[in-house]
Amino acid sequence: MLLPMSIASGDKPSDGAILERSKRLCNGLMYTIEIQVRRIKSSEPEDDRFPLRQWMDFQFLIVALSRLRRTTRLADKVPFVKAQIESAINEFDQALPFLKKMRDVAEHIDDYAVDTVPKRGHQEVSRKDLEVGQTDFTNFSWLGYTVNIDDTVGVAQNLFEHLRSAVRTYAESNPASGA
């Protein structure tokens, strides 16, 4: 169900192309999420030299989850599936209320590290919070939240399945679309 990638200059991608792109990008991110979780739960050669390796892999998991949300959001540009995608993203956000805060702090760590929190940032986060956390390598506590990575993967899989379902529904209703 891949669509041609060439689009004439200035032309907007079709709804089918947007949905397929969103699905392809999310598919890659689902593999990335699975890799991060596998790394978090495993022993790696560098662990004896870098005891925070699993914590850093957790940070990369936050990035992958945030990108999954953003690339799923591409699909809500298609009016036919907008309500379905928005509902799935709302469900994702409710299940992972920590994600935006953790992503924001990690992305703007240079500001938080010197207590120059961006105006639209999380004013309650101090530089002293950045390197304080706890983990048993299934649960990670940071910035006032505890994240169970197994539950988090299930939430990500659910969002991806909603996207795949929306793409299928669109394709069935618009057979000429190629989606």
N, C-alpha and C. Protein backbone atom coordinates (compact mmCIF):
# COMPACT_ATOMS: atom_id res chain seq x y z
N MET A 1 0.81 -1.20 0.00
CA MET A 1 0.00 0.00 0.00
C MET A 1 0.86 1.26 0.00
N LEU A 2 2.06 1.22 -0.53
CA LEU A 2 2.88 2.42 -0.58
C LEU A 2 2.46 3.29 -1.74
N LEU A 3 2.48 4.59 -1.50
CA LEU A 3 2.12 5.55 -2.52
C LEU A 3 3.38 6.12 -3.17
N PRO A 4 3.26 6.62 -4.39
CA PRO A 4 4.43 7.24 -5.02
C PRO A 4 4.93 8.40 -4.16
N MET A 5 6.25 8.50 -4.04
CA MET A 5 6.83 9.53 -3.20
C MET A 5 7.03 10.85 -3.93
N SER A 6 7.02 10.82 -5.26
CA SER A 6 7.24 12.06 -5.99
C SER A 6 5.97 12.89 -6.00
N ILE A 7 6.13 14.13 -5.62
CA ILE A 7 5.01 15.07 -5.60
C ILE A 7 5.49 16.31 -6.34
N ALA A 8 4.68 16.77 -7.26
CA ALA A 8 5.06 17.97 -8.02
C ALA A 8 5.30 19.12 -7.05
N SER A 9 6.25 19.96 -7.39
CA SER A 9 6.61 21.09 -6.54
C SER A 9 5.37 21.93 -6.23
N GLY A 10 5.16 22.20 -4.96
CA GLY A 10 4.03 23.03 -4.56
C GLY A 10 2.76 22.25 -4.28
N ASP A 11 2.69 21.00 -4.72
CA ASP A 11 1.50 20.20 -4.46
C ASP A 11 1.53 19.70 -3.02
N LYS A 12 0.36 19.69 -2.43
CA LYS A 12 0.24 19.12 -1.09
C LYS A 12 0.11 17.61 -1.21
N PRO A 13 0.61 16.86 -0.23
CA PRO A 13 0.41 15.41 -0.29
C PRO A 13 -1.07 15.07 -0.12
N SER A 14 -1.47 13.99 -0.72
CA SER A 14 -2.85 13.55 -0.60
C SER A 14 -3.11 13.04 0.81
N ASP A 15 -4.37 12.92 1.17
CA ASP A 15 -4.72 12.36 2.48
C ASP A 15 -4.15 10.96 2.65
N GLY A 16 -4.24 10.16 1.59
CA GLY A 16 -3.69 8.81 1.65
C GLY A 16 -2.19 8.82 1.89
N ALA A 17 -1.48 9.75 1.22
CA ALA A 17 -0.03 9.85 1.39
C ALA A 17 0.33 10.28 2.82
N ILE A 18 -0.44 11.19 3.37
CA ILE A 18 -0.21 11.64 4.75
C ILE A 18 -0.38 10.47 5.72
N LEU A 19 -1.45 9.71 5.53
CA LEU A 19 -1.70 8.57 6.42
C LEU A 19 -0.62 7.51 6.29
N GLU A 20 -0.20 7.22 5.08
CA GLU A 20 0.85 6.22 4.89
C GLU A 20 2.17 6.69 5.49
N ARG A 21 2.49 7.97 5.33
CA ARG A 21 3.73 8.50 5.91
C ARG A 21 3.67 8.40 7.43
N SER A 22 2.56 8.79 8.01
CA SER A 22 2.40 8.72 9.46
C SER A 22 2.60 7.28 9.93
N LYS A 23 1.98 6.35 9.23
CA LYS A 23 2.09 4.94 9.61
C LYS A 23 3.52 4.43 9.48
N ARG A 24 4.21 4.79 8.39
CA ARG A 24 5.61 4.34 8.20
C ARG A 24 6.51 4.90 9.29
N LEU A 25 6.38 6.19 9.57
CA LEU A 25 7.21 6.81 10.61
C LEU A 25 6.93 6.18 11.97
N CYS A 26 5.67 5.96 12.27
CA CYS A 26 5.31 5.34 13.55
C CYS A 26 5.80 3.89 13.63
N ASN A 27 5.77 3.19 12.53
CA ASN A 27 6.26 1.82 12.52
C ASN A 27 7.74 1.79 12.93
N GLY A 28 8.53 2.67 12.37
CA GLY A 28 9.94 2.75 12.75
C GLY A 28 10.11 3.11 14.22
N LEU A 29 9.27 3.99 14.71
CA LEU A 29 9.36 4.37 16.12
C LEU A 29 8.95 3.23 17.05
N MET A 30 8.03 2.40 16.62
CA MET A 30 7.66 1.25 17.46
C MET A 30 8.85 0.31 17.61
N TYR A 31 9.61 0.11 16.53
CA TYR A 31 10.83 -0.69 16.65
C TYR A 31 11.84 -0.01 17.57
N THR A 32 11.94 1.29 17.46
CA THR A 32 12.86 2.04 18.32
C THR A 32 12.47 1.89 19.79
N ILE A 33 11.20 1.99 20.08
CA ILE A 33 10.70 1.83 21.45
C ILE A 33 11.03 0.42 21.96
N GLU A 34 10.78 -0.58 21.13
CA GLU A 34 11.10 -1.96 21.53
C GLU A 34 12.60 -2.14 21.80
N ILE A 35 13.44 -1.52 20.97
CA ILE A 35 14.89 -1.61 21.18
C ILE A 35 15.28 -0.95 22.50
N GLN A 36 14.73 0.23 22.78
CA GLN A 36 15.07 0.92 24.03
C GLN A 36 14.65 0.09 25.24
N VAL A 37 13.47 -0.49 25.19
CA VAL A 37 13.01 -1.31 26.31
C VAL A 37 13.90 -2.53 26.47
N ARG A 38 14.25 -3.16 25.36
CA ARG A 38 15.15 -4.32 25.43
C ARG A 38 16.48 -3.93 26.05
N ARG A 39 17.02 -2.79 25.65
CA ARG A 39 18.30 -2.33 26.21
C ARG A 39 18.17 -2.03 27.70
N ILE A 40 17.07 -1.41 28.09
CA ILE A 40 16.86 -1.09 29.50
C ILE A 40 16.86 -2.36 30.34
N LYS A 41 16.26 -3.40 29.82
CA LYS A 41 16.11 -4.64 30.58
C LYS A 41 17.30 -5.59 30.45
N SER A 42 18.29 -5.23 29.65
CA SER A 42 19.40 -6.15 29.41
C SER A 42 20.68 -5.64 30.05
N SER A 43 21.68 -6.49 29.99
CA SER A 43 23.04 -6.10 30.35
C SER A 43 23.77 -5.81 29.06
N GLU A 44 24.56 -4.76 29.07
CA GLU A 44 25.31 -4.37 27.89
C GLU A 44 26.80 -4.32 28.26
N PRO A 45 27.67 -4.47 27.27
CA PRO A 45 29.11 -4.51 27.56
C PRO A 45 29.63 -3.28 28.31
N GLU A 46 29.05 -2.13 28.08
CA GLU A 46 29.55 -0.91 28.71
C GLU A 46 29.04 -0.69 30.13
N ASP A 47 28.17 -1.56 30.61
CA ASP A 47 27.56 -1.35 31.93
C ASP A 47 28.58 -1.26 33.07
N ASP A 48 29.68 -1.98 32.98
CA ASP A 48 30.67 -1.92 34.06
C ASP A 48 31.39 -0.56 34.09
N ARG A 49 31.46 0.12 32.96
CA ARG A 49 32.10 1.44 32.90
C ARG A 49 31.09 2.58 32.99
N PHE A 50 29.84 2.31 32.66
CA PHE A 50 28.82 3.36 32.59
C PHE A 50 27.56 2.89 33.31
N PRO A 51 27.53 3.02 34.63
CA PRO A 51 26.40 2.51 35.40
C PRO A 51 25.08 3.23 35.14
N LEU A 52 25.12 4.38 34.50
CA LEU A 52 23.88 5.10 34.19
C LEU A 52 23.34 4.78 32.80
N ARG A 53 23.91 3.79 32.14
CA ARG A 53 23.49 3.47 30.77
C ARG A 53 22.00 3.21 30.66
N GLN A 54 21.43 2.45 31.57
CA GLN A 54 19.99 2.15 31.50
C GLN A 54 19.16 3.42 31.72
N TRP A 55 19.64 4.29 32.57
CA TRP A 55 18.94 5.56 32.78
C TRP A 55 18.94 6.39 31.49
N MET A 56 20.07 6.39 30.78
CA MET A 56 20.14 7.12 29.52
C MET A 56 19.24 6.48 28.47
N ASP A 57 19.16 5.15 28.47
CA ASP A 57 18.24 4.48 27.55
C ASP A 57 16.79 4.84 27.88
N PHE A 58 16.49 5.02 29.15
CA PHE A 58 15.15 5.48 29.53
C PHE A 58 14.90 6.88 28.95
N GLN A 59 15.89 7.74 28.99
CA GLN A 59 15.75 9.08 28.42
C GLN A 59 15.46 9.00 26.91
N PHE A 60 16.15 8.08 26.22
CA PHE A 60 15.89 7.91 24.80
C PHE A 60 14.51 7.31 24.54
N LEU A 61 14.02 6.50 25.46
CA LEU A 61 12.65 5.98 25.36
C LEU A 61 11.65 7.13 25.39
N ILE A 62 11.88 8.10 26.25
CA ILE A 62 11.00 9.28 26.33
C ILE A 62 10.98 10.01 24.98
N VAL A 63 12.15 10.16 24.37
CA VAL A 63 12.23 10.81 23.06
C VAL A 63 11.42 10.02 22.02
N ALA A 64 11.60 8.71 22.00
CA ALA A 64 10.90 7.87 21.01
C ALA A 64 9.38 7.93 21.22
N LEU A 65 8.94 7.90 22.47
CA LEU A 65 7.50 8.00 22.75
C LEU A 65 6.94 9.35 22.30
N SER A 66 7.70 10.40 22.53
CA SER A 66 7.26 11.74 22.11
C SER A 66 7.16 11.83 20.59
N ARG A 67 8.13 11.25 19.91
CA ARG A 67 8.08 11.26 18.45
C ARG A 67 6.94 10.40 17.92
N LEU A 68 6.66 9.31 18.60
CA LEU A 68 5.51 8.48 18.19
C LEU A 68 4.24 9.30 18.25
N ARG A 69 4.06 10.05 19.32
CA ARG A 69 2.87 10.90 19.47
C ARG A 69 2.82 11.93 18.34
N ARG A 70 3.95 12.58 18.08
CA ARG A 70 3.98 13.63 17.06
C ARG A 70 3.72 13.07 15.66
N THR A 71 4.27 11.92 15.35
CA THR A 71 4.06 11.38 14.00
C THR A 71 2.67 10.78 13.84
N THR A 72 2.07 10.34 14.94
CA THR A 72 0.67 9.93 14.87
C THR A 72 -0.20 11.15 14.61
N ARG A 73 0.16 12.27 15.22
CA ARG A 73 -0.60 13.51 15.05
C ARG A 73 -0.65 13.95 13.59
N LEU A 74 0.33 13.54 12.77
CA LEU A 74 0.27 13.85 11.34
C LEU A 74 -1.06 13.40 10.75
N ALA A 75 -1.55 12.26 11.18
CA ALA A 75 -2.76 11.67 10.61
C ALA A 75 -4.00 12.50 10.91
N ASP A 76 -3.97 13.32 11.96
CA ASP A 76 -5.19 14.10 12.24
C ASP A 76 -5.35 15.28 11.29
N LYS A 77 -4.43 15.42 10.34
CA LYS A 77 -4.60 16.42 9.27
C LYS A 77 -5.57 15.91 8.20
N VAL A 78 -5.92 14.64 8.30
CA VAL A 78 -6.86 14.03 7.36
C VAL A 78 -8.25 14.08 7.99
N PRO A 79 -9.14 14.91 7.45
CA PRO A 79 -10.46 15.09 8.08
C PRO A 79 -11.22 13.78 8.32
N PHE A 80 -11.07 12.82 7.41
CA PHE A 80 -11.82 11.56 7.50
C PHE A 80 -11.50 10.79 8.79
N VAL A 81 -10.28 10.89 9.30
CA VAL A 81 -9.88 10.13 10.49
C VAL A 81 -9.53 11.03 11.68
N LYS A 82 -9.70 12.34 11.53
CA LYS A 82 -9.30 13.30 12.56
C LYS A 82 -9.85 12.95 13.94
N ALA A 83 -11.13 12.71 14.04
CA ALA A 83 -11.75 12.42 15.35
C ALA A 83 -11.17 11.14 15.94
N GLN A 84 -10.99 10.12 15.12
CA GLN A 84 -10.44 8.85 15.58
C GLN A 84 -9.02 9.01 16.10
N ILE A 85 -8.21 9.78 15.39
CA ILE A 85 -6.81 10.00 15.79
C ILE A 85 -6.75 10.86 17.04
N GLU A 86 -7.53 11.92 17.10
CA GLU A 86 -7.54 12.78 18.28
C GLU A 86 -7.95 12.00 19.52
N SER A 87 -8.92 11.13 19.38
CA SER A 87 -9.35 10.30 20.51
C SER A 87 -8.22 9.38 20.97
N ALA A 88 -7.52 8.77 20.02
CA ALA A 88 -6.41 7.87 20.35
C ALA A 88 -5.28 8.64 21.03
N ILE A 89 -4.98 9.84 20.55
CA ILE A 89 -3.92 10.64 21.17
C ILE A 89 -4.33 11.09 22.57
N ASN A 90 -5.59 11.45 22.75
CA ASN A 90 -6.07 11.81 24.10
C ASN A 90 -5.92 10.63 25.06
N GLU A 91 -6.25 9.45 24.58
CA GLU A 91 -6.09 8.23 25.40
C GLU A 91 -4.62 8.01 25.76
N PHE A 92 -3.75 8.20 24.79
CA PHE A 92 -2.30 8.08 24.99
C PHE A 92 -1.83 9.08 26.04
N ASP A 93 -2.26 10.34 25.88
CA ASP A 93 -1.86 11.40 26.82
C ASP A 93 -2.34 11.12 28.24
N GLN A 94 -3.54 10.61 28.37
CA GLN A 94 -4.06 10.29 29.70
C GLN A 94 -3.29 9.15 30.34
N ALA A 95 -2.87 8.20 29.54
CA ALA A 95 -2.12 7.05 30.07
C ALA A 95 -0.67 7.40 30.39
N LEU A 96 -0.13 8.42 29.72
CA LEU A 96 1.27 8.82 29.91
C LEU A 96 1.34 10.31 30.28
N PRO A 97 0.77 10.70 31.42
CA PRO A 97 0.71 12.13 31.76
C PRO A 97 2.09 12.74 32.00
N PHE A 98 3.10 11.93 32.21
CA PHE A 98 4.46 12.38 32.47
C PHE A 98 5.22 12.77 31.20
N LEU A 99 4.76 12.30 30.06
CA LEU A 99 5.57 12.36 28.85
C LEU A 99 5.96 13.77 28.44
N LYS A 100 5.02 14.67 28.39
CA LYS A 100 5.34 16.04 27.94
C LYS A 100 6.34 16.70 28.88
N LYS A 101 6.12 16.57 30.16
CA LYS A 101 7.03 17.21 31.12
C LYS A 101 8.43 16.62 31.00
N MET A 102 8.55 15.31 30.96
CA MET A 102 9.86 14.68 30.86
C MET A 102 10.55 15.05 29.56
N ARG A 103 9.81 15.06 28.49
CA ARG A 103 10.38 15.42 27.18
C ARG A 103 10.84 16.87 27.19
N ASP A 104 9.99 17.77 27.70
CA ASP A 104 10.34 19.19 27.73
C ASP A 104 11.60 19.45 28.55
N VAL A 105 11.66 18.86 29.73
CA VAL A 105 12.82 19.06 30.59
C VAL A 105 14.07 18.48 29.93
N ALA A 106 13.97 17.29 29.38
CA ALA A 106 15.13 16.68 28.74
C ALA A 106 15.57 17.48 27.51
N GLU A 107 14.62 17.95 26.73
CA GLU A 107 14.94 18.71 25.52
C GLU A 107 15.57 20.07 25.84
N HIS A 108 15.18 20.67 26.93
CA HIS A 108 15.68 22.00 27.30
C HIS A 108 16.55 21.92 28.56
N ILE A 109 17.27 20.83 28.68
CA ILE A 109 18.07 20.58 29.88
C ILE A 109 19.09 21.68 30.13
N ASP A 110 19.56 22.30 29.07
CA ASP A 110 20.52 23.40 29.23
C ASP A 110 19.93 24.57 30.00
N ASP A 111 18.64 24.84 29.80
CA ASP A 111 17.97 25.91 30.56
C ASP A 111 17.69 25.47 31.99
N TYR A 112 17.17 24.27 32.14
CA TYR A 112 16.84 23.78 33.49
C TYR A 112 18.10 23.62 34.35
N ALA A 113 19.21 23.28 33.74
CA ALA A 113 20.45 23.04 34.49
C ALA A 113 20.97 24.30 35.20
N VAL A 114 20.57 25.46 34.70
CA VAL A 114 21.02 26.71 35.33
C VAL A 114 19.83 27.54 35.83
N ASP A 115 18.69 26.86 36.03
CA ASP A 115 17.47 27.50 36.54
C ASP A 115 17.00 28.69 35.70
N THR A 116 17.17 28.58 34.39
CA THR A 116 16.58 29.58 33.49
C THR A 116 15.47 28.88 32.70
N VAL A 117 14.46 28.48 33.43
CA VAL A 117 13.34 27.72 32.86
C VAL A 117 12.63 28.58 31.82
N PRO A 118 12.36 28.02 30.65
CA PRO A 118 11.62 28.79 29.64
C PRO A 118 10.27 29.26 30.19
N LYS A 119 9.80 30.41 29.70
CA LYS A 119 8.54 30.98 30.19
C LYS A 119 7.40 29.98 30.14
N ARG A 120 7.34 29.21 29.08
CA ARG A 120 6.27 28.21 28.96
C ARG A 120 6.70 26.87 29.54
N GLY A 121 7.81 26.87 30.26
CA GLY A 121 8.35 25.64 30.83
C GLY A 121 7.69 25.26 32.15
N HIS A 122 8.27 24.28 32.77
CA HIS A 122 7.77 23.73 34.03
C HIS A 122 8.51 24.43 35.17
N GLN A 123 7.91 25.50 35.66
CA GLN A 123 8.55 26.38 36.65
C GLN A 123 8.91 25.65 37.94
N GLU A 124 8.21 24.58 38.23
CA GLU A 124 8.46 23.84 39.47
C GLU A 124 9.71 22.95 39.41
N VAL A 125 10.28 22.80 38.23
CA VAL A 125 11.47 21.96 38.08
C VAL A 125 12.72 22.79 38.33
N SER A 126 13.55 22.31 39.22
CA SER A 126 14.80 22.97 39.58
C SER A 126 15.98 22.19 39.00
N ARG A 127 17.11 22.86 38.89
CA ARG A 127 18.33 22.18 38.44
C ARG A 127 18.64 20.99 39.33
N LYS A 128 18.20 21.05 40.58
CA LYS A 128 18.47 19.98 41.54
C LYS A 128 17.65 18.73 41.24
N ASP A 129 16.61 18.86 40.42
CA ASP A 129 15.76 17.72 40.08
C ASP A 129 16.31 16.89 38.92
N LEU A 130 17.21 17.45 38.15
CA LEU A 130 17.64 16.82 36.90
C LEU A 130 18.34 15.49 37.08
N GLU A 131 19.13 15.37 38.13
CA GLU A 131 19.94 14.17 38.31
C GLU A 131 19.47 13.33 39.49
N VAL A 132 18.20 13.51 39.84
CA VAL A 132 17.64 12.76 40.95
C VAL A 132 16.53 11.87 40.41
N GLY A 133 16.71 10.59 40.56
CA GLY A 133 15.71 9.64 40.10
C GLY A 133 15.96 8.29 40.75
N GLN A 134 15.08 7.39 40.46
CA GLN A 134 15.16 6.05 41.03
C GLN A 134 14.69 5.05 39.99
N THR A 135 15.26 3.86 40.03
CA THR A 135 14.82 2.83 39.08
C THR A 135 15.10 1.44 39.61
N ASP A 136 14.26 0.51 39.20
CA ASP A 136 14.54 -0.91 39.39
C ASP A 136 14.60 -1.57 38.00
N PHE A 137 14.73 -0.74 36.97
CA PHE A 137 14.87 -1.11 35.57
C PHE A 137 13.58 -1.62 34.94
N THR A 138 12.49 -1.51 35.67
CA THR A 138 11.15 -1.65 35.11
C THR A 138 10.37 -0.38 35.40
N ASN A 139 10.62 0.19 36.56
CA ASN A 139 9.97 1.44 36.98
C ASN A 139 11.04 2.52 37.11
N PHE A 140 10.76 3.66 36.49
CA PHE A 140 11.67 4.79 36.56
C PHE A 140 10.92 5.96 37.20
N SER A 141 11.49 6.51 38.25
CA SER A 141 10.90 7.67 38.91
C SER A 141 11.77 8.89 38.63
N TRP A 142 11.12 9.93 38.11
CA TRP A 142 11.83 11.17 37.80
C TRP A 142 10.81 12.28 37.69
N LEU A 143 11.13 13.45 38.19
CA LEU A 143 10.30 14.66 38.10
C LEU A 143 8.91 14.46 38.68
N GLY A 144 8.82 13.63 39.71
CA GLY A 144 7.54 13.44 40.38
C GLY A 144 6.64 12.36 39.80
N TYR A 145 7.11 11.64 38.82
CA TYR A 145 6.34 10.57 38.19
C TYR A 145 7.10 9.26 38.29
N THR A 146 6.35 8.17 38.33
CA THR A 146 6.94 6.84 38.21
C THR A 146 6.38 6.21 36.95
N VAL A 147 7.29 5.75 36.11
CA VAL A 147 6.94 5.21 34.80
C VAL A 147 7.26 3.73 34.77
N ASN A 148 6.25 2.90 34.51
CA ASN A 148 6.46 1.48 34.31
C ASN A 148 6.67 1.27 32.81
N ILE A 149 7.86 0.82 32.42
CA ILE A 149 8.14 0.75 30.99
C ILE A 149 7.31 -0.31 30.28
N ASP A 150 6.94 -1.38 30.97
CA ASP A 150 6.10 -2.40 30.32
C ASP A 150 4.72 -1.82 30.00
N ASP A 151 4.14 -1.09 30.94
CA ASP A 151 2.85 -0.45 30.69
C ASP A 151 2.96 0.58 29.57
N THR A 152 4.07 1.30 29.56
CA THR A 152 4.30 2.34 28.57
C THR A 152 4.35 1.75 27.16
N VAL A 153 5.00 0.62 27.01
CA VAL A 153 5.06 -0.03 25.70
C VAL A 153 3.66 -0.42 25.25
N GLY A 154 2.85 -0.93 26.16
CA GLY A 154 1.47 -1.28 25.82
C GLY A 154 0.67 -0.09 25.35
N VAL A 155 0.88 1.05 25.97
CA VAL A 155 0.19 2.29 25.58
C VAL A 155 0.64 2.70 24.17
N ALA A 156 1.94 2.61 23.91
CA ALA A 156 2.47 2.94 22.57
C ALA A 156 1.89 2.00 21.52
N GLN A 157 1.85 0.71 21.82
CA GLN A 157 1.29 -0.26 20.88
C GLN A 157 -0.18 0.03 20.60
N ASN A 158 -0.91 0.43 21.62
CA ASN A 158 -2.32 0.77 21.46
C ASN A 158 -2.49 1.98 20.53
N LEU A 159 -1.66 3.01 20.71
CA LEU A 159 -1.75 4.18 19.84
C LEU A 159 -1.45 3.79 18.40
N PHE A 160 -0.42 2.99 18.21
CA PHE A 160 -0.06 2.56 16.85
C PHE A 160 -1.19 1.73 16.22
N GLU A 161 -1.81 0.89 17.00
CA GLU A 161 -2.92 0.09 16.47
C GLU A 161 -4.10 0.98 16.07
N HIS A 162 -4.37 2.01 16.85
CA HIS A 162 -5.43 2.97 16.48
C HIS A 162 -5.10 3.65 15.15
N LEU A 163 -3.84 4.02 14.98
CA LEU A 163 -3.43 4.64 13.72
C LEU A 163 -3.59 3.66 12.57
N ARG A 164 -3.13 2.44 12.75
CA ARG A 164 -3.26 1.43 11.69
C ARG A 164 -4.72 1.20 11.34
N SER A 165 -5.58 1.18 12.34
CA SER A 165 -7.01 1.01 12.12
C SER A 165 -7.58 2.19 11.32
N ALA A 166 -7.16 3.40 11.65
CA ALA A 166 -7.64 4.58 10.93
C ALA A 166 -7.20 4.53 9.47
N VAL A 167 -5.96 4.11 9.23
CA VAL A 167 -5.46 4.00 7.85
C VAL A 167 -6.27 2.95 7.09
N ARG A 168 -6.56 1.81 7.73
CA ARG A 168 -7.36 0.76 7.08
C ARG A 168 -8.77 1.29 6.76
N THR A 169 -9.37 1.96 7.72
CA THR A 169 -10.73 2.50 7.53
C THR A 169 -10.75 3.48 6.36
N TYR A 170 -9.75 4.34 6.32
CA TYR A 170 -9.66 5.31 5.23
C TYR A 170 -9.51 4.58 3.89
N ALA A 171 -8.61 3.60 3.83
CA ALA A 171 -8.36 2.88 2.59
C ALA A 171 -9.61 2.14 2.10
N GLU A 172 -10.36 1.56 3.04
CA GLU A 172 -11.58 0.84 2.66
C GLU A 172 -12.65 1.80 2.12
N SER A 173 -12.69 3.01 2.67
CA SER A 173 -13.68 4.00 2.23
C SER A 173 -13.24 4.78 1.01
N ASN A 174 -11.96 4.75 0.73
CA ASN A 174 -11.39 5.50 -0.40
C ASN A 174 -10.45 4.59 -1.20
N PRO A 175 -10.99 3.55 -1.85
CA PRO A 175 -10.14 2.56 -2.51
C PRO A 175 -9.20 3.15 -3.57
N ALA A 176 -9.56 4.25 -4.17
CA ALA A 176 -8.70 4.85 -5.20
C ALA A 176 -7.53 5.61 -4.60
N SER A 177 -7.54 5.77 -3.27
CA SER A 177 -6.50 6.59 -2.63
C SER A 177 -5.13 5.91 -2.60
N GLY A 178 -5.12 4.61 -2.65
CA GLY A 178 -3.86 3.88 -2.56
C GLY A 178 -3.36 3.70 -1.15
N ALA A 179 -4.10 4.20 -0.17
CA ALA A 179 -3.66 4.08 1.24
C ALA A 179 -3.92 2.69 1.77
